[in-house]
PDB file of N, CA and C in Angstrom:
ATOM      1  N   MET A   1     -13.456 -61.621  25.641  1.00  0.00           N
ATOM      2  CA  MET A   1     -12.643 -61.271  26.219  1.00  0.00           C
ATOM      3  C   MET A   1     -11.597 -60.054  25.186  1.00  0.00           C
ATOM      4  N   VAL A   2     -11.208 -60.184  24.121  1.00  0.00           N
ATOM      5  CA  VAL A   2     -10.445 -60.027  23.029  1.00  0.00           C
ATOM      6  C   VAL A   2     -11.260 -58.634  22.439  1.00  0.00           C
ATOM      7  N   LEU A   3     -12.576 -59.027  22.482  1.00  0.00           N
ATOM      8  CA  LEU A   3     -13.144 -58.064  22.286  1.00  0.00           C
ATOM      9  C   LEU A   3     -13.318 -56.874  23.278  1.00  0.00           C
ATOM     10  N   PHE A   4     -13.408 -56.701  24.134  1.00  0.00           N
ATOM     11  CA  PHE A   4     -13.359 -55.607  25.189  1.00  0.00           C
ATOM     12  C   PHE A   4     -12.253 -55.099  25.630  1.00  0.00           C
ATOM     13  N   ILE A   5     -10.915 -56.400  25.118  1.00  0.00           N
ATOM     14  CA  ILE A   5      -9.563 -55.338  25.184  1.00  0.00           C
ATOM     15  C   ILE A   5      -9.177 -54.318  23.586  1.00  0.00           C
ATOM     16  N   PHE A   6      -9.744 -54.871  23.049  1.00  0.00           N
ATOM     17  CA  PHE A   6     -10.250 -54.337  21.700  1.00  0.00           C
ATOM     18  C   PHE A   6     -10.765 -52.741  21.650  1.00  0.00           C
ATOM     19  N   GLN A   7     -12.030 -52.881  22.292  1.00  0.00           N
ATOM     20  CA  GLN A   7     -12.833 -52.084  22.380  1.00  0.00           C
ATOM     21  C   GLN A   7     -11.897 -50.714  23.352  1.00  0.00           C
ATOM     22  N   LEU A   8     -11.042 -51.237  24.578  1.00  0.00           N
ATOM     23  CA  LEU A   8     -10.392 -50.339  25.372  1.00  0.00           C
ATOM     24  C   LEU A   8      -9.186 -49.540  24.639  1.00  0.00           C
ATOM     25  N   LEU A   9      -8.652 -50.456  23.916  1.00  0.00           N
ATOM     26  CA  LEU A   9      -7.915 -49.918  22.929  1.00  0.00           C
ATOM     27  C   LEU A   9      -8.013 -48.571  22.147  1.00  0.00           C
ATOM     28  N   LEU A  10      -9.616 -49.110  21.696  1.00  0.00           N
ATOM     29  CA  LEU A  10      -9.581 -48.181  20.895  1.00  0.00           C
ATOM     30  C   LEU A  10      -9.878 -46.778  21.529  1.00  0.00           C
ATOM     31  N   MET A  11     -10.967 -47.010  22.426  1.00  0.00           N
ATOM     32  CA  MET A  11     -11.002 -45.568  23.695  1.00  0.00           C
ATOM     33  C   MET A  11      -9.753 -45.051  23.793  1.00  0.00           C
ATOM     34  N   ARG A  12      -8.654 -45.773  24.168  1.00  0.00           N
ATOM     35  CA  ARG A  12      -7.825 -45.031  24.802  1.00  0.00           C
ATOM     36  C   ARG A  12      -6.750 -44.005  23.874  1.00  0.00           C
ATOM     37  N   SER A  13      -7.030 -44.790  22.069  1.00  0.00           N
ATOM     38  CA  SER A  13      -6.318 -44.223  21.020  1.00  0.00           C
ATOM     39  C   SER A  13      -7.260 -42.871  21.126  1.00  0.00           C
ATOM     40  N   SER A  14      -8.476 -43.015  20.899  1.00  0.00           N
ATOM     41  CA  SER A  14      -9.185 -41.937  20.695  1.00  0.00           C
ATOM     42  C   SER A  14      -9.527 -40.861  21.550  1.00  0.00           C
ATOM     43  N   VAL A  15      -9.309 -41.092  23.327  1.00  0.00           N
ATOM     44  CA  VAL A  15      -9.173 -40.589  24.134  1.00  0.00           C
ATOM     45  C   VAL A  15      -7.677 -39.617  23.953  1.00  0.00           C
ATOM     46  N   ALA A  16      -6.835 -40.579  23.183  1.00  0.00           N
ATOM     47  CA  ALA A  16      -5.289 -39.907  23.398  1.00  0.00           C
ATOM     48  C   ALA A  16      -5.402 -38.995  21.868  1.00  0.00           C
ATOM     49  N   ARG A  17      -6.038 -38.852  21.149  1.00  0.00           N
ATOM     50  CA  ARG A  17      -5.879 -38.403  19.836  1.00  0.00           C
ATOM     51  C   ARG A  17      -6.662 -37.002  20.535  1.00  0.00           C
ATOM     52  N   ILE A  18      -7.962 -36.964  20.989  1.00  0.00           N
ATOM     53  CA  ILE A  18      -8.654 -35.989  22.006  1.00  0.00           C
ATOM     54  C   ILE A  18      -7.768 -35.039  22.335  1.00  0.00           C
ATOM     55  N   GLY A  19      -7.145 -35.880  23.301  1.00  0.00           N
ATOM     56  CA  GLY A  19      -6.098 -35.410  24.297  1.00  0.00           C
ATOM     57  C   GLY A  19      -5.024 -34.038  23.564  1.00  0.00           C
ATOM     58  N   TYR A  20      -4.626 -34.630  22.775  1.00  0.00           N
ATOM     59  CA  TYR A  20      -3.538 -34.597  21.756  1.00  0.00           C
ATOM     60  C   TYR A  20      -4.168 -33.349  20.940  1.00  0.00           C
ATOM     61  N   ALA A  21      -5.152 -33.310  20.613  1.00  0.00           N
ATOM     62  CA  ALA A  21      -5.927 -32.073  19.692  1.00  0.00           C
ATOM     63  C   ALA A  21      -6.200 -31.260  20.338  1.00  0.00           C
ATOM     64  N   VAL A  22      -7.168 -31.283  21.617  1.00  0.00           N
ATOM     65  CA  VAL A  22      -6.869 -30.369  22.751  1.00  0.00           C
ATOM     66  C   VAL A  22      -5.670 -29.743  22.924  1.00  0.00           C
ATOM     67  N   VAL A  23      -5.002 -29.925  23.251  1.00  0.00           N
ATOM     68  CA  VAL A  23      -3.409 -29.777  23.729  1.00  0.00           C
ATOM     69  C   VAL A  23      -2.809 -28.331  23.004  1.00  0.00           C
ATOM     70  N   VAL A  24      -2.908 -28.964  21.522  1.00  0.00           N
ATOM     71  CA  VAL A  24      -2.515 -28.543  19.789  1.00  0.00           C
ATOM     72  C   VAL A  24      -3.439 -27.319  20.011  1.00  0.00           C
ATOM     73  N   LEU A  25      -4.650 -27.100  19.922  1.00  0.00           N
ATOM     74  CA  LEU A  25      -5.788 -26.356  19.874  1.00  0.00           C
ATOM     75  C   LEU A  25      -5.401 -24.968  20.881  1.00  0.00           C
ATOM     76  N   LEU A  26      -5.001 -25.606  22.074  1.00  0.00           N
ATOM     77  CA  LEU A  26      -4.733 -24.653  23.105  1.00  0.00           C
ATOM     78  C   LEU A  26      -3.537 -23.869  22.722  1.00  0.00           C
ATOM     79  N   ALA A  27      -2.303 -24.636  22.564  1.00  0.00           N
ATOM     80  CA  ALA A  27      -1.167 -23.987  22.358  1.00  0.00           C
ATOM     81  C   ALA A  27      -1.341 -23.109  21.057  1.00  0.00           C
ATOM     82  N   ALA A  28      -1.925 -23.413  19.963  1.00  0.00           N
ATOM     83  CA  ALA A  28      -2.292 -22.542  19.026  1.00  0.00           C
ATOM     84  C   ALA A  28      -2.988 -21.210  19.553  1.00  0.00           C
ATOM     85  N   SER A  29      -3.795 -21.439  20.055  1.00  0.00           N
ATOM     86  CA  SER A  29      -4.749 -20.066  20.506  1.00  0.00           C
ATOM     87  C   SER A  29      -3.605 -19.418  21.329  1.00  0.00           C
ATOM     88  N   TYR A  30      -3.362 -20.028  22.220  1.00  0.00           N
ATOM     89  CA  TYR A  30      -2.654 -19.197  23.123  1.00  0.00           C
ATOM     90  C   TYR A  30      -1.425 -18.146  22.249  1.00  0.00           C
ATOM     91  N   ALA A  31      -0.807 -18.855  21.177  1.00  0.00           N
ATOM     92  CA  ALA A  31       0.075 -18.253  20.336  1.00  0.00           C
ATOM     93  C   ALA A  31      -0.418 -17.032  19.671  1.00  0.00           C
ATOM     94  N   LEU A  32      -1.486 -17.112  19.264  1.00  0.00           N
ATOM     95  CA  LEU A  32      -1.996 -16.423  17.946  1.00  0.00           C
ATOM     96  C   LEU A  32      -2.690 -15.502  19.196  1.00  0.00           C
ATOM     97  N   ILE A  33      -2.950 -15.490  20.028  1.00  0.00           N
ATOM     98  CA  ILE A  33      -3.749 -14.448  20.814  1.00  0.00           C
ATOM     99  C   ILE A  33      -2.747 -13.609  21.931  1.00  0.00           C
ATOM    100  N   THR A  34      -2.342 -13.852  22.420  1.00  0.00           N
ATOM    101  CA  THR A  34      -0.819 -13.576  23.513  1.00  0.00           C
ATOM    102  C   THR A  34       0.476 -13.083  22.989  1.00  0.00           C
ATOM    103  N   LEU A  35       0.994 -13.726  22.172  1.00  0.00           N
ATOM    104  CA  LEU A  35       2.548 -13.803  21.558  1.00  0.00           C
ATOM    105  C   LEU A  35       2.376 -12.088  20.780  1.00  0.00           C
ATOM    106  N   ARG A  36       3.545 -11.494  20.803  1.00  0.00           N
ATOM    107  CA  ARG A  36       3.748 -10.219  19.844  1.00  0.00           C
ATOM    108  C   ARG A  36       3.136 -10.593  18.375  1.00  0.00           C
ATOM    109  N   GLU A  37       3.581 -11.822  17.976  1.00  0.00           N
ATOM    110  CA  GLU A  37       3.244 -12.049  16.641  1.00  0.00           C
ATOM    111  C   GLU A  37       2.035 -12.865  16.318  1.00  0.00           C
ATOM    112  N   GLY A  38       0.834 -12.217  16.805  1.00  0.00           N
ATOM    113  CA  GLY A  38      -0.179 -12.490  16.873  1.00  0.00           C
ATOM    114  C   GLY A  38      -1.230 -11.864  15.939  1.00  0.00           C
ATOM    115  N   ILE A  39      -2.508 -12.280  16.499  1.00  0.00           N
ATOM    116  CA  ILE A  39      -3.500 -11.429  15.589  1.00  0.00           C
ATOM    117  C   ILE A  39      -3.170 -10.096  15.348  1.00  0.00           C
ATOM    118  N   PRO A  40      -3.075  -9.201  16.827  1.00  0.00           N
ATOM    119  CA  PRO A  40      -2.872  -7.729  16.350  1.00  0.00           C
ATOM    120  C   PRO A  40      -1.657  -7.452  15.331  1.00  0.00           C
ATOM    121  N   ALA A  41      -0.548  -7.678  15.405  1.00  0.00           N
ATOM    122  CA  ALA A  41       0.460  -7.910  14.412  1.00  0.00           C
ATOM    123  C   ALA A  41       0.123  -8.305  12.903  1.00  0.00           C
ATOM    124  N   LEU A  42      -0.570  -9.160  12.857  1.00  0.00           N
ATOM    125  CA  LEU A  42      -0.923  -9.694  11.600  1.00  0.00           C
ATOM    126  C   LEU A  42      -1.803  -8.928  10.893  1.00  0.00           C
ATOM    127  N   ILE A  43      -3.008  -7.793  11.860  1.00  0.00           N
ATOM    128  CA  ILE A  43      -3.931  -7.082  11.509  1.00  0.00           C
ATOM    129  C   ILE A  43      -2.984  -5.707  11.204  1.00  0.00           C
ATOM    130  N   GLN A  44      -2.269  -5.455  11.649  1.00  0.00           N
ATOM    131  CA  GLN A  44      -1.074  -4.407  11.502  1.00  0.00           C
ATOM    132  C   GLN A  44      -0.397  -4.214  10.070  1.00  0.00           C
ATOM    133  N   LYS A  45       0.203  -5.696  10.166  1.00  0.00           N
ATOM    134  CA  LYS A  45       0.923  -6.062   8.802  1.00  0.00           C
ATOM    135  C   LYS A  45      -0.215  -5.823   7.410  1.00  0.00           C
ATOM    136  N   GLN A  46      -1.185  -6.393   7.880  1.00  0.00           N
ATOM    137  CA  GLN A  46      -2.194  -6.400   6.315  1.00  0.00           C
ATOM    138  C   GLN A  46      -2.967  -5.027   6.323  1.00  0.00           C
ATOM    139  N   LYS A  47      -2.774  -4.250   7.361  1.00  0.00           N
ATOM    140  CA  LYS A  47      -3.232  -2.305   6.891  1.00  0.00           C
ATOM    141  C   LYS A  47      -1.925  -1.976   6.166  1.00  0.00           C
ATOM    142  N   GLU A  48      -0.732  -1.944   7.073  1.00  0.00           N
ATOM    143  CA  GLU A  48       0.799  -1.433   6.065  1.00  0.00           C
ATOM    144  C   GLU A  48       0.596  -2.268   4.612  1.00  0.00           C
ATOM    145  N   ILE A  49       0.166  -3.470   4.251  1.00  0.00           N
ATOM    146  CA  ILE A  49       0.122  -3.841   2.969  1.00  0.00           C
ATOM    147  C   ILE A  49      -0.883  -3.256   2.119  1.00  0.00           C
ATOM    148  N   ARG A  50      -1.812  -3.005   2.657  1.00  0.00           N
ATOM    149  CA  ARG A  50      -2.769  -1.991   1.731  1.00  0.00           C
ATOM    150  C   ARG A  50      -2.332  -0.866   1.195  1.00  0.00           C
ATOM    151  N   VAL A  51      -1.674   0.044   2.417  1.00  0.00           N
ATOM    152  CA  VAL A  51      -1.229   1.277   2.359  1.00  0.00           C
ATOM    153  C   VAL A  51      -0.001   1.522   1.368  1.00  0.00           C
ATOM    154  N   LEU A  52       0.976   0.095   1.169  1.00  0.00           N
ATOM    155  CA  LEU A  52       1.787   0.281   0.199  1.00  0.00           C
ATOM    156  C   LEU A  52       1.298  -0.185  -1.292  1.00  0.00           C
ATOM    157  N   GLU A  53       0.404  -0.829  -1.196  1.00  0.00           N
ATOM    158  CA  GLU A  53      -0.297  -1.278  -2.384  1.00  0.00           C
ATOM    159  C   GLU A  53      -0.708   0.139  -3.144  1.00  0.00           C
ATOM    160  N   LYS A  54      -1.511   0.656  -2.460  1.00  0.00           N
ATOM    161  CA  LYS A  54      -2.017   2.043  -2.817  1.00  0.00           C
ATOM    162  C   LYS A  54      -0.991   3.034  -3.295  1.00  0.00           C
ATOM    163  N   GLU A  55       0.446   3.127  -2.430  1.00  0.00           N
ATOM    164  CA  GLU A  55       1.424   4.077  -2.812  1.00  0.00           C
ATOM    165  C   GLU A  55       1.897   3.438  -4.303  1.00  0.00           C
ATOM    166  N   ASN A  56       2.187   2.131  -4.368  1.00  0.00           N
ATOM    167  CA  ASN A  56       2.679   1.615  -5.430  1.00  0.00           C
ATOM    168  C   ASN A  56       1.806   1.477  -6.742  1.00  0.00           C
ATOM    169  N   ALA A  57       0.592   1.780  -6.444  1.00  0.00           N
ATOM    170  CA  ALA A  57      -0.240   2.157  -7.706  1.00  0.00           C
ATOM    171  C   ALA A  57      -0.193   3.466  -8.064  1.00  0.00           C
ATOM    172  N   GLY A  58      -0.107   4.610  -7.321  1.00  0.00           N
ATOM    173  CA  GLY A  58       0.253   5.787  -7.508  1.00  0.00           C
ATOM    174  C   GLY A  58       1.151   5.980  -8.042  1.00  0.00           C
ATOM    175  N   LEU A  59       2.110   5.276  -7.503  1.00  0.00           N
ATOM    176  CA  LEU A  59       3.715   5.515  -8.225  1.00  0.00           C
ATOM    177  C   LEU A  59       3.751   4.940  -9.542  1.00  0.00           C
ATOM    178  N   ALA A  60       3.194   3.699  -9.903  1.00  0.00           N
ATOM    179  CA  ALA A  60       2.764   3.307 -11.207  1.00  0.00           C
ATOM    180  C   ALA A  60       2.099   4.256 -12.282  1.00  0.00           C
ATOM    181  N   ARG A  61       1.198   5.002 -12.041  1.00  0.00           N
ATOM    182  CA  ARG A  61       0.965   6.220 -12.577  1.00  0.00           C
ATOM    183  C   ARG A  61       1.223   6.896 -12.815  1.00  0.00           C
ATOM    184  N   GLU A  62       2.119   7.309 -12.005  1.00  0.00           N
ATOM    185  CA  GLU A  62       3.292   8.347 -12.040  1.00  0.00           C
ATOM    186  C   GLU A  62       4.404   8.183 -13.452  1.00  0.00           C
ATOM    187  N   ILE A  63       5.188   7.074 -13.296  1.00  0.00           N
ATOM    188  CA  ILE A  63       6.208   6.250 -13.856  1.00  0.00           C
ATOM    189  C   ILE A  63       5.558   6.359 -15.595  1.00  0.00           C
ATOM    190  N   GLU A  64       4.309   5.852 -15.562  1.00  0.00           N
ATOM    191  CA  GLU A  64       3.491   5.853 -16.853  1.00  0.00           C
ATOM    192  C   GLU A  64       3.270   7.094 -17.196  1.00  0.00           C
ATOM    193  N   PHE A  65       2.903   7.913 -16.790  1.00  0.00           N
ATOM    194  CA  PHE A  65       2.685   9.327 -17.139  1.00  0.00           C
ATOM    195  C   PHE A  65       3.933  10.040 -17.617  1.00  0.00           C
ATOM    196  N   ARG A  66       5.045   9.909 -16.820  1.00  0.00           N
ATOM    197  CA  ARG A  66       6.498  10.120 -17.409  1.00  0.00           C
ATOM    198  C   ARG A  66       7.012   9.597 -18.379  1.00  0.00           C
ATOM    199  N   ARG A  67       6.578   8.431 -18.644  1.00  0.00           N
ATOM    200  CA  ARG A  67       7.267   7.751 -19.914  1.00  0.00           C
ATOM    201  C   ARG A  67       6.421   8.540 -21.122  1.00  0.00           C
ATOM    202  N   ASP A  68       5.108   8.734 -20.754  1.00  0.00           N
ATOM    203  CA  ASP A  68       4.495   9.075 -22.287  1.00  0.00           C
ATOM    204  C   ASP A  68       4.780  10.372 -22.404  1.00  0.00           C
ATOM    205  N   ARG A  69       5.306  11.186 -21.389  1.00  0.00           N
ATOM    206  CA  ARG A  69       5.564  12.739 -21.702  1.00  0.00           C
ATOM    207  C   ARG A  69       7.403  12.417 -22.256  1.00  0.00           C
ATOM    208  N   ILE A  70       7.797  11.761 -21.846  1.00  0.00           N
ATOM    209  CA  ILE A  70       9.284  11.368 -22.377  1.00  0.00           C
ATOM    210  C   ILE A  70       9.406  11.072 -23.951  1.00  0.00           C
ATOM    211  N   GLN A  71       8.044  10.420 -23.963  1.00  0.00           N
ATOM    212  CA  GLN A  71       7.954   9.754 -25.325  1.00  0.00           C
ATOM    213  C   GLN A  71       7.531  11.230 -26.403  1.00  0.00           C
ATOM    214  N   ARG A  72       6.785  12.026 -25.615  1.00  0.00           N
ATOM    215  CA  ARG A  72       6.333  13.129 -26.733  1.00  0.00           C
ATOM    216  C   ARG A  72       7.464  13.865 -26.724  1.00  0.00           C
ATOM    217  N   LEU A  73       8.173  14.245 -25.894  1.00  0.00           N
ATOM    218  CA  LEU A  73       9.384  15.117 -26.334  1.00  0.00           C
ATOM    219  C   LEU A  73      10.343  14.718 -26.997  1.00  0.00           C
ATOM    220  N   GLN A  74      10.582  13.113 -26.844  1.00  0.00           N
ATOM    221  CA  GLN A  74      11.223  12.783 -28.010  1.00  0.00           C
ATOM    222  C   GLN A  74      10.803  12.636 -29.366  1.00  0.00           C
ATOM    223  N   LYS A  75       9.947  12.838 -29.661  1.00  0.00           N
ATOM    224  CA  LYS A  75       8.910  12.581 -30.938  1.00  0.00           C
ATOM    225  C   LYS A  75       8.407  14.333 -31.370  1.00  0.00           C
ATOM    226  N   ASP A  76       8.316  15.079 -30.464  1.00  0.00           N
ATOM    227  CA  ASP A  76       8.044  16.173 -31.252  1.00  0.00           C
ATOM    228  C   ASP A  76       8.759  17.330 -30.983  1.00  0.00           C
ATOM    229  N   GLN A  77       8.953  17.946 -32.110  1.00  0.00           N
ATOM    230  CA  GLN A  77      10.023  19.299 -31.521  1.00  0.00           C
ATOM    231  C   GLN A  77       9.469  20.515 -31.021  1.00  0.00           C
ATOM    232  N   SER A  78       8.108  20.500 -31.295  1.00  0.00           N
ATOM    233  CA  SER A  78       7.374  21.688 -30.533  1.00  0.00           C
ATOM    234  C   SER A  78       7.342  21.443 -29.489  1.00  0.00           C
ATOM    235  N   GLU A  79       7.080  20.506 -28.887  1.00  0.00           N
ATOM    236  CA  GLU A  79       7.285  19.738 -27.632  1.00  0.00           C
ATOM    237  C   GLU A  79       8.017  20.267 -26.859  1.00  0.00           C
ATOM    238  N   GLN A  80       9.829  19.953 -27.263  1.00  0.00           N
ATOM    239  CA  GLN A  80      10.778  20.029 -26.913  1.00  0.00           C
ATOM    240  C   GLN A  80      11.195  21.502 -26.702  1.00  0.00           C
ATOM    241  N   GLU A  81      10.886  22.309 -27.858  1.00  0.00           N
ATOM    242  CA  GLU A  81      10.958  23.735 -27.648  1.00  0.00           C
ATOM    243  C   GLU A  81      10.183  24.424 -26.507  1.00  0.00           C
ATOM    244  N   LEU A  82       8.997  24.018 -26.395  1.00  0.00           N
ATOM    245  CA  LEU A  82       7.985  24.427 -25.394  1.00  0.00           C
ATOM    246  C   LEU A  82       8.641  24.042 -24.168  1.00  0.00           C
ATOM    247  N   GLU A  83       9.087  23.268 -23.995  1.00  0.00           N
ATOM    248  CA  GLU A  83       9.741  22.592 -22.513  1.00  0.00           C
ATOM    249  C   GLU A  83      10.928  23.462 -22.211  1.00  0.00           C
ATOM    250  N   ILE A  84      11.652  23.432 -23.196  1.00  0.00           N
ATOM    251  CA  ILE A  84      13.283  24.358 -23.028  1.00  0.00           C
ATOM    252  C   ILE A  84      12.980  25.753 -22.351  1.00  0.00           C
ATOM    253  N   ARG A  85      11.893  26.678 -23.217  1.00  0.00           N
ATOM    254  CA  ARG A  85      11.641  27.782 -22.917  1.00  0.00           C
ATOM    255  C   ARG A  85      11.005  28.087 -21.886  1.00  0.00           C
ATOM    256  N   GLN A  86      10.140  26.986 -21.475  1.00  0.00           N
ATOM    257  CA  GLN A  86       9.271  27.196 -20.071  1.00  0.00           C
ATOM    258  C   GLN A  86      10.391  26.874 -19.005  1.00  0.00           C
ATOM    259  N   ARG A  87      11.225  25.716 -18.932  1.00  0.00           N
ATOM    260  CA  ARG A  87      12.552  25.706 -17.794  1.00  0.00           C
ATOM    261  C   ARG A  87      13.309  26.742 -17.851  1.00  0.00           C
ATOM    262  N   LEU A  88      13.798  27.130 -19.095  1.00  0.00           N
ATOM    263  CA  LEU A  88      14.711  28.591 -19.068  1.00  0.00           C
ATOM    264  C   LEU A  88      14.099  29.548 -19.001  1.00  0.00           C
ATOM    265  N   LYS A  89      12.881  29.756 -19.158  1.00  0.00           N
ATOM    266  CA  LYS A  89      12.440  31.205 -19.011  1.00  0.00           C
ATOM    267  C   LYS A  89      12.997  32.093 -20.251  1.00  0.00           C
ATOM    268  N   LEU A  90      12.946  31.459 -21.717  1.00  0.00           N
ATOM    269  CA  LEU A  90      13.448  31.939 -22.720  1.00  0.00           C
ATOM    270  C   LEU A  90      12.258  32.527 -23.574  1.00  0.00           C
ATOM    271  N   VAL A  91      12.480  33.844 -24.074  1.00  0.00           N
ATOM    272  CA  VAL A  91      11.909  34.680 -24.917  1.00  0.00           C
ATOM    273  C   VAL A  91      12.247  34.591 -26.275  1.00  0.00           C
ATOM    274  N   ARG A  92      11.483  34.249 -27.335  1.00  0.00           N
ATOM    275  CA  ARG A  92      12.115  35.082 -28.457  1.00  0.00           C
ATOM    276  C   ARG A  92      11.921  36.548 -29.000  1.00  0.00           C
ATOM    277  N   PRO A  93      12.656  36.838 -29.668  1.00  0.00           N
ATOM    278  CA  PRO A  93      12.871  38.061 -30.270  1.00  0.00           C
ATOM    279  C   PRO A  93      11.256  38.917 -30.460  1.00  0.00           C
ATOM    280  N   GLY A  94      10.938  40.001 -30.028  1.00  0.00           N
ATOM    281  CA  GLY A  94       9.700  40.529 -30.488  1.00  0.00           C
ATOM    282  C   GLY A  94       8.530  39.911 -29.549  1.00  0.00           C
ATOM    283  N   GLU A  95       8.679  38.536 -28.677  1.00  0.00           N
ATOM    284  CA  GLU A  95       7.467  38.348 -28.075  1.00  0.00           C
ATOM    285  C   GLU A  95       7.298  39.406 -26.763  1.00  0.00           C
ATOM    286  N   LYS A  96       5.717  39.469 -26.230  1.00  0.00           N
ATOM    287  CA  LYS A  96       6.097  40.134 -24.996  1.00  0.00           C
ATOM    288  C   LYS A  96       5.116  38.706 -23.763  1.00  0.00           C
ATOM    289  N   VAL A  97       6.186  38.962 -22.583  1.00  0.00           N
ATOM    290  CA  VAL A  97       5.568  38.566 -21.722  1.00  0.00           C
ATOM    291  C   VAL A  97       5.061  39.065 -20.738  1.00  0.00           C
ATOM    292  N   PHE A  98       3.955  38.663 -19.785  1.00  0.00           N
ATOM    293  CA  PHE A  98       2.774  39.102 -19.247  1.00  0.00           C
ATOM    294  C   PHE A  98       3.011  38.301 -18.019  1.00  0.00           C
ATOM    295  N   ILE A  99       3.163  38.790 -16.813  1.00  0.00           N
ATOM    296  CA  ILE A  99       3.168  38.010 -15.326  1.00  0.00           C
ATOM    297  C   ILE A  99       2.017  38.560 -14.690  1.00  0.00           C
ATOM    298  N   LEU A 100       1.514  37.554 -14.191  1.00  0.00           N
ATOM    299  CA  LEU A 100       0.186  38.378 -13.628  1.00  0.00           C
ATOM    300  C   LEU A 100       0.083  37.600 -11.866  1.00  0.00           C
ATOM    301  N   GLN A 101       0.035  38.419 -11.503  1.00  0.00           N
ATOM    302  CA  GLN A 101      -0.137  38.142  -9.991  1.00  0.00           C
ATOM    303  C   GLN A 101      -1.441  37.905  -9.502  1.00  0.00           C
ATOM    304  N   GLU A 102      -1.723  36.917  -8.558  1.00  0.00           N
ATOM    305  CA  GLU A 102      -3.036  36.804  -7.956  1.00  0.00           C
ATOM    306  C   GLU A 102      -3.333  37.853  -6.669  1.00  0.00           C
ATOM    307  N   PRO A 103      -4.828  38.613  -7.016  1.00  0.00           N
ATOM    308  CA  PRO A 103      -4.633  39.891  -6.177  1.00  0.00           C
ATOM    309  C   PRO A 103      -4.971  38.976  -4.633  1.00  0.00           C
ATOM    310  N   VAL A 104      -4.501  40.210  -3.944  1.00  0.00           N
ATOM    311  CA  VAL A 104      -4.628  39.975  -2.163  1.00  0.00           C
ATOM    312  C   VAL A 104      -5.864  39.864  -1.660  1.00  0.00           C
ATOM    313  N   LEU A 105      -6.272  38.986  -0.707  1.00  0.00           N
ATOM    314  CA  LEU A 105      -7.478  39.366  -0.531  1.00  0.00           C
ATOM    315  C   LEU A 105      -7.532  39.977   1.022  1.00  0.00           C
ATOM    316  N   GLN A 106      -8.185  41.062   1.279  1.00  0.00           N
ATOM    317  CA  GLN A 106      -8.244  42.121   2.282  1.00  0.00           C
ATOM    318  C   GLN A 106      -9.049  41.786   3.081  1.00  0.00           C
ATOM    319  N   LYS A 107      -9.273  41.801   4.790  1.00  0.00           N
ATOM    320  CA  LYS A 107     -10.207  41.320   5.778  1.00  0.00           C
ATOM    321  C   LYS A 107     -10.710  42.495   5.452  1.00  0.00           C
ATOM    322  N   ASP A 108     -12.055  42.388   5.345  1.00  0.00           N
ATOM    323  CA  ASP A 108     -13.111  43.885   5.776  1.00  0.00           C
ATOM    324  C   ASP A 108     -13.030  44.242   6.759  1.00  0.00           C
ATOM    325  N   ALA A 109     -12.410  45.654   6.959  1.00  0.00           N
ATOM    326  CA  ALA A 109     -12.544  46.453   8.520  1.00  0.00           C
ATOM    327  C   ALA A 109     -13.681  46.836   8.744  1.00  0.00           C
ATOM    328  N   LYS A 110     -14.075  46.439   9.959  1.00  0.00           N
ATOM    329  CA  LYS A 110     -15.307  46.931  10.832  1.00  0.00           C
ATOM    330  C   LYS A 110     -14.947  48.271  11.059  1.00  0.00           C
ATOM    331  N   PRO A 111     -15.777  49.172  10.985  1.00  0.00           N
ATOM    332  CA  PRO A 111     -15.947  50.496  11.758  1.00  0.00           C
ATOM    333  C   PRO A 111     -16.647  50.417  13.254  1.00  0.00           C
TER     334      PRO A 111
END
């Protein structure tokens, strides 16, 4: 008799555990699939993260390039002079400046 009651209690607890597990799984599934913060939002956020990581990598390369350029300008007088002359469009006396224009392509006229 005691064994039967013990087995009955074990069955109830295992049935209760299974019932709780099913309820939790159903609630979690519903939340993931139907709610606004579910799987579609998660996928969208992951795409945004990938785009922003690529943008950050590009910006990091640009920062490194600019740091190198600043160091070159700080160390090399000729580099500084060239930069100043290009930005201010300065010419030394006796230098000749040639301004080249790209030719304009004309469409062939049909007779």
